[in-house]
Amino acid sequence: MSIVPVPRRQGDPALRGLRTGDAQTVPDKVLDEPDQPELDRWQLVWIRLGGRWRPGVLLAWHRALGGRWWIAQIQWDRNTSAWFYYEHATIRPLPTRRKA
């Protein structure tokens, strides 16, 4: 059985604790614009939310705003995900472990 997360929008109560330096959610008008197809990714990441780094999963991403930005859907809790602007300062891939 797979979990299909529901995309959350800016006004979602789970995102009310955002602080300066946290990942920035994507406004509805950007999500609703015609864009390139979403690309499934499924990569483990760190995301900065609520003033701290949390583990998450990058589920999908695509170009937005005329190709200027990558936006990414990230799930950081069992049933909580949102679309964020993908920036290294706030979203970072988890390092892969080296095999000894």
N, C-alpha and C. Protein backbone atom coordinates (compact mmCIF):
# COMPACT_ATOMS: atom_id res chain seq x y z
N MET A 1 0.85 -1.18 0.00
CA MET A 1 0.00 0.00 0.00
C MET A 1 0.89 1.23 0.00
N SER A 2 0.65 2.15 -0.92
CA SER A 2 1.46 3.37 -0.96
C SER A 2 0.65 4.55 -0.46
N ILE A 3 1.35 5.49 0.13
CA ILE A 3 0.72 6.71 0.64
C ILE A 3 0.77 7.75 -0.45
N VAL A 4 -0.36 8.31 -0.79
CA VAL A 4 -0.40 9.39 -1.77
C VAL A 4 -0.66 10.68 -1.00
N PRO A 5 0.38 11.51 -0.81
CA PRO A 5 0.20 12.71 0.00
C PRO A 5 -0.67 13.74 -0.73
N VAL A 6 -1.41 14.47 0.06
CA VAL A 6 -2.26 15.53 -0.48
C VAL A 6 -1.45 16.82 -0.50
N PRO A 7 -1.34 17.48 -1.68
CA PRO A 7 -0.61 18.74 -1.70
C PRO A 7 -1.27 19.76 -0.77
N ARG A 8 -0.47 20.42 0.02
CA ARG A 8 -0.97 21.43 0.95
C ARG A 8 -0.64 22.81 0.41
N ARG A 9 -1.44 23.77 0.71
CA ARG A 9 -1.24 25.12 0.21
C ARG A 9 -0.75 26.04 1.34
N GLN A 10 -0.40 27.26 0.99
CA GLN A 10 0.21 28.22 1.90
C GLN A 10 -0.59 28.40 3.19
N GLY A 11 -1.93 28.40 3.12
CA GLY A 11 -2.74 28.66 4.31
C GLY A 11 -2.92 27.46 5.21
N ASP A 12 -2.27 26.37 4.93
CA ASP A 12 -2.43 25.16 5.73
C ASP A 12 -1.93 25.37 7.15
N PRO A 13 -2.69 24.92 8.17
CA PRO A 13 -2.26 25.10 9.56
C PRO A 13 -0.89 24.51 9.86
N ALA A 14 -0.48 23.45 9.14
CA ALA A 14 0.83 22.83 9.40
C ALA A 14 1.98 23.75 9.04
N LEU A 15 1.71 24.78 8.25
CA LEU A 15 2.78 25.69 7.81
C LEU A 15 2.74 27.04 8.52
N ARG A 16 1.91 27.21 9.51
CA ARG A 16 1.78 28.51 10.19
C ARG A 16 3.01 28.90 10.99
N GLY A 17 3.85 27.93 11.35
CA GLY A 17 5.02 28.22 12.18
C GLY A 17 6.26 28.60 11.38
N LEU A 18 6.09 28.95 10.09
CA LEU A 18 7.25 29.28 9.27
C LEU A 18 7.98 30.50 9.83
N ARG A 19 9.30 30.45 9.80
CA ARG A 19 10.14 31.53 10.31
C ARG A 19 11.09 32.00 9.23
N THR A 20 11.75 33.12 9.48
CA THR A 20 12.76 33.60 8.55
C THR A 20 13.82 32.52 8.38
N GLY A 21 14.19 32.25 7.14
CA GLY A 21 15.17 31.20 6.86
C GLY A 21 14.56 29.86 6.55
N ASP A 22 13.23 29.72 6.70
CA ASP A 22 12.56 28.47 6.37
C ASP A 22 12.30 28.38 4.87
N ALA A 23 12.05 27.18 4.40
CA ALA A 23 11.68 26.96 3.00
C ALA A 23 10.40 27.75 2.71
N GLN A 24 10.33 28.33 1.53
CA GLN A 24 9.19 29.17 1.15
C GLN A 24 8.19 28.37 0.32
N THR A 25 6.93 28.37 0.79
CA THR A 25 5.90 27.67 0.04
C THR A 25 5.58 28.44 -1.23
N VAL A 26 5.06 27.71 -2.20
CA VAL A 26 4.73 28.28 -3.50
C VAL A 26 3.29 28.78 -3.46
N PRO A 27 3.03 30.02 -3.89
CA PRO A 27 1.65 30.54 -3.90
C PRO A 27 0.78 29.78 -4.90
N ASP A 28 -0.52 29.78 -4.65
CA ASP A 28 -1.47 29.08 -5.52
C ASP A 28 -1.36 29.52 -6.97
N LYS A 29 -1.14 30.82 -7.22
CA LYS A 29 -1.10 31.30 -8.61
C LYS A 29 0.05 30.66 -9.39
N VAL A 30 1.16 30.32 -8.72
CA VAL A 30 2.27 29.65 -9.38
C VAL A 30 1.92 28.18 -9.65
N LEU A 31 1.26 27.54 -8.69
CA LEU A 31 0.87 26.14 -8.87
C LEU A 31 -0.17 25.98 -9.97
N ASP A 32 -1.00 26.99 -10.18
CA ASP A 32 -2.08 26.90 -11.15
C ASP A 32 -1.67 27.31 -12.56
N GLU A 33 -0.46 27.88 -12.73
CA GLU A 33 -0.04 28.30 -14.07
C GLU A 33 0.32 27.09 -14.92
N PRO A 34 0.15 27.23 -16.26
CA PRO A 34 0.59 26.12 -17.11
C PRO A 34 2.09 25.94 -16.99
N ASP A 35 2.51 24.71 -16.91
CA ASP A 35 3.94 24.46 -16.69
C ASP A 35 4.38 23.18 -17.37
N GLN A 36 5.61 22.83 -17.15
CA GLN A 36 6.13 21.58 -17.67
C GLN A 36 5.61 20.43 -16.81
N PRO A 37 5.63 19.22 -17.34
CA PRO A 37 5.14 18.09 -16.56
C PRO A 37 5.96 17.87 -15.29
N GLU A 38 5.28 17.35 -14.28
CA GLU A 38 5.97 17.02 -13.03
C GLU A 38 6.87 15.82 -13.25
N LEU A 39 8.02 15.84 -12.59
CA LEU A 39 8.95 14.73 -12.64
C LEU A 39 8.99 14.08 -11.27
N ASP A 40 8.68 12.78 -11.20
CA ASP A 40 8.79 12.07 -9.93
C ASP A 40 10.25 12.01 -9.53
N ARG A 41 10.53 12.16 -8.24
CA ARG A 41 11.91 12.21 -7.80
C ARG A 41 12.21 11.19 -6.70
N TRP A 42 11.46 11.19 -5.63
CA TRP A 42 11.64 10.29 -4.50
C TRP A 42 13.08 10.30 -3.97
N GLN A 43 13.47 11.45 -3.47
CA GLN A 43 14.81 11.61 -2.90
C GLN A 43 14.70 12.11 -1.47
N LEU A 44 15.51 11.56 -0.57
CA LEU A 44 15.53 12.03 0.82
C LEU A 44 16.22 13.38 0.88
N VAL A 45 15.64 14.30 1.65
CA VAL A 45 16.18 15.65 1.77
C VAL A 45 16.07 16.14 3.21
N TRP A 46 16.79 17.21 3.49
CA TRP A 46 16.59 18.01 4.69
C TRP A 46 15.81 19.23 4.24
N ILE A 47 14.80 19.63 5.01
CA ILE A 47 14.04 20.85 4.71
C ILE A 47 13.96 21.68 5.98
N ARG A 48 14.16 22.97 5.85
CA ARG A 48 14.11 23.86 7.01
C ARG A 48 12.69 24.38 7.18
N LEU A 49 12.05 23.97 8.29
CA LEU A 49 10.69 24.37 8.64
C LEU A 49 10.62 24.64 10.13
N GLY A 50 9.89 25.67 10.52
CA GLY A 50 9.73 25.97 11.94
C GLY A 50 11.04 26.29 12.63
N GLY A 51 12.01 26.83 11.87
CA GLY A 51 13.29 27.21 12.46
C GLY A 51 14.26 26.07 12.67
N ARG A 52 13.94 24.87 12.17
CA ARG A 52 14.86 23.75 12.33
C ARG A 52 14.84 22.87 11.08
N TRP A 53 15.88 22.07 10.93
CA TRP A 53 15.99 21.15 9.81
C TRP A 53 15.22 19.88 10.12
N ARG A 54 14.43 19.41 9.16
CA ARG A 54 13.65 18.19 9.32
C ARG A 54 13.94 17.25 8.15
N PRO A 55 13.89 15.95 8.35
CA PRO A 55 14.01 15.04 7.21
C PRO A 55 12.72 15.05 6.42
N GLY A 56 12.85 14.86 5.13
CA GLY A 56 11.68 14.81 4.26
C GLY A 56 11.98 14.01 3.00
N VAL A 57 10.97 13.91 2.16
CA VAL A 57 11.11 13.22 0.88
C VAL A 57 10.65 14.16 -0.22
N LEU A 58 11.51 14.38 -1.20
CA LEU A 58 11.15 15.15 -2.37
C LEU A 58 10.38 14.20 -3.28
N LEU A 59 9.08 14.47 -3.45
CA LEU A 59 8.20 13.57 -4.20
C LEU A 59 8.17 13.87 -5.69
N ALA A 60 8.14 15.15 -6.03
CA ALA A 60 8.05 15.56 -7.43
C ALA A 60 8.57 16.98 -7.54
N TRP A 61 8.96 17.34 -8.77
CA TRP A 61 9.35 18.73 -9.00
C TRP A 61 9.15 19.09 -10.45
N HIS A 62 9.13 20.39 -10.72
CA HIS A 62 9.03 20.88 -12.09
C HIS A 62 9.44 22.35 -12.12
N ARG A 63 9.66 22.83 -13.33
CA ARG A 63 10.01 24.24 -13.54
C ARG A 63 8.76 25.09 -13.45
N ALA A 64 8.90 26.30 -12.93
CA ALA A 64 7.78 27.23 -12.83
C ALA A 64 8.26 28.63 -13.17
N LEU A 65 7.32 29.53 -13.30
CA LEU A 65 7.60 30.94 -13.58
C LEU A 65 8.50 31.10 -14.80
N GLY A 66 8.09 30.49 -15.90
CA GLY A 66 8.86 30.62 -17.13
C GLY A 66 10.21 29.93 -17.08
N GLY A 67 10.36 28.94 -16.23
CA GLY A 67 11.61 28.19 -16.16
C GLY A 67 12.65 28.81 -15.23
N ARG A 68 12.30 29.87 -14.51
CA ARG A 68 13.26 30.51 -13.61
C ARG A 68 13.48 29.73 -12.32
N TRP A 69 12.48 29.02 -11.84
CA TRP A 69 12.55 28.34 -10.55
C TRP A 69 12.19 26.87 -10.68
N TRP A 70 12.84 26.05 -9.89
CA TRP A 70 12.37 24.70 -9.66
C TRP A 70 11.47 24.76 -8.44
N ILE A 71 10.33 24.11 -8.50
CA ILE A 71 9.51 23.97 -7.31
C ILE A 71 9.39 22.47 -7.01
N ALA A 72 9.34 22.15 -5.74
CA ALA A 72 9.39 20.74 -5.32
C ALA A 72 8.27 20.45 -4.33
N GLN A 73 7.63 19.29 -4.50
CA GLN A 73 6.67 18.83 -3.50
C GLN A 73 7.44 17.98 -2.51
N ILE A 74 7.39 18.40 -1.25
CA ILE A 74 8.15 17.71 -0.21
C ILE A 74 7.22 17.25 0.90
N GLN A 75 7.36 15.99 1.26
CA GLN A 75 6.61 15.42 2.37
C GLN A 75 7.54 15.33 3.56
N TRP A 76 7.17 15.92 4.70
CA TRP A 76 8.02 15.87 5.88
C TRP A 76 7.35 15.18 7.06
N ASP A 77 6.14 14.76 6.89
CA ASP A 77 5.40 14.04 7.92
C ASP A 77 4.57 12.99 7.19
N ARG A 78 4.00 12.06 7.91
CA ARG A 78 3.29 10.95 7.25
C ARG A 78 2.28 11.43 6.21
N ASN A 79 1.46 12.40 6.52
CA ASN A 79 0.42 12.86 5.59
C ASN A 79 0.51 14.35 5.30
N THR A 80 1.66 14.94 5.44
CA THR A 80 1.80 16.37 5.24
C THR A 80 2.85 16.66 4.18
N SER A 81 2.43 17.35 3.14
CA SER A 81 3.37 17.75 2.10
C SER A 81 2.95 19.12 1.58
N ALA A 82 3.87 19.78 0.92
CA ALA A 82 3.58 21.09 0.33
C ALA A 82 4.55 21.32 -0.82
N TRP A 83 4.23 22.30 -1.64
CA TRP A 83 5.12 22.72 -2.72
C TRP A 83 5.97 23.88 -2.22
N PHE A 84 7.28 23.78 -2.46
CA PHE A 84 8.24 24.79 -2.01
C PHE A 84 9.13 25.20 -3.18
N TYR A 85 9.65 26.44 -3.10
CA TYR A 85 10.70 26.83 -4.03
C TYR A 85 11.94 26.03 -3.65
N TYR A 86 12.58 25.41 -4.61
CA TYR A 86 13.76 24.59 -4.34
C TYR A 86 14.99 25.49 -4.29
N GLU A 87 15.52 25.68 -3.10
CA GLU A 87 16.72 26.48 -2.89
C GLU A 87 17.65 25.71 -1.95
N HIS A 88 18.94 25.72 -2.25
CA HIS A 88 19.90 24.99 -1.43
C HIS A 88 19.95 25.49 0.01
N ALA A 89 19.64 26.74 0.22
CA ALA A 89 19.69 27.29 1.57
C ALA A 89 18.62 26.70 2.48
N THR A 90 17.54 26.15 1.90
CA THR A 90 16.43 25.66 2.71
C THR A 90 16.04 24.21 2.44
N ILE A 91 16.51 23.65 1.33
CA ILE A 91 16.22 22.25 0.98
C ILE A 91 17.52 21.63 0.47
N ARG A 92 17.97 20.57 1.13
CA ARG A 92 19.24 19.95 0.75
C ARG A 92 19.09 18.44 0.68
N PRO A 93 19.66 17.82 -0.35
CA PRO A 93 19.63 16.35 -0.41
C PRO A 93 20.38 15.76 0.78
N LEU A 94 19.87 14.68 1.33
CA LEU A 94 20.59 13.98 2.38
C LEU A 94 21.80 13.31 1.74
N PRO A 95 22.95 13.35 2.42
CA PRO A 95 24.13 12.70 1.84
C PRO A 95 23.93 11.19 1.75
N THR A 96 24.45 10.61 0.70
CA THR A 96 24.37 9.16 0.57
C THR A 96 25.48 8.53 1.39
N ARG A 97 25.20 7.37 1.94
CA ARG A 97 26.22 6.68 2.75
C ARG A 97 27.17 5.93 1.83
N ARG A 98 28.41 6.00 2.16
CA ARG A 98 29.41 5.25 1.41
C ARG A 98 29.51 3.85 1.98
N LYS A 99 29.61 2.89 1.07
CA LYS A 99 29.77 1.50 1.53
C LYS A 99 31.22 1.26 1.87
N ALA A 100 31.44 0.65 3.02
CA ALA A 100 32.82 0.39 3.47
C ALA A 100 33.45 -0.79 2.79
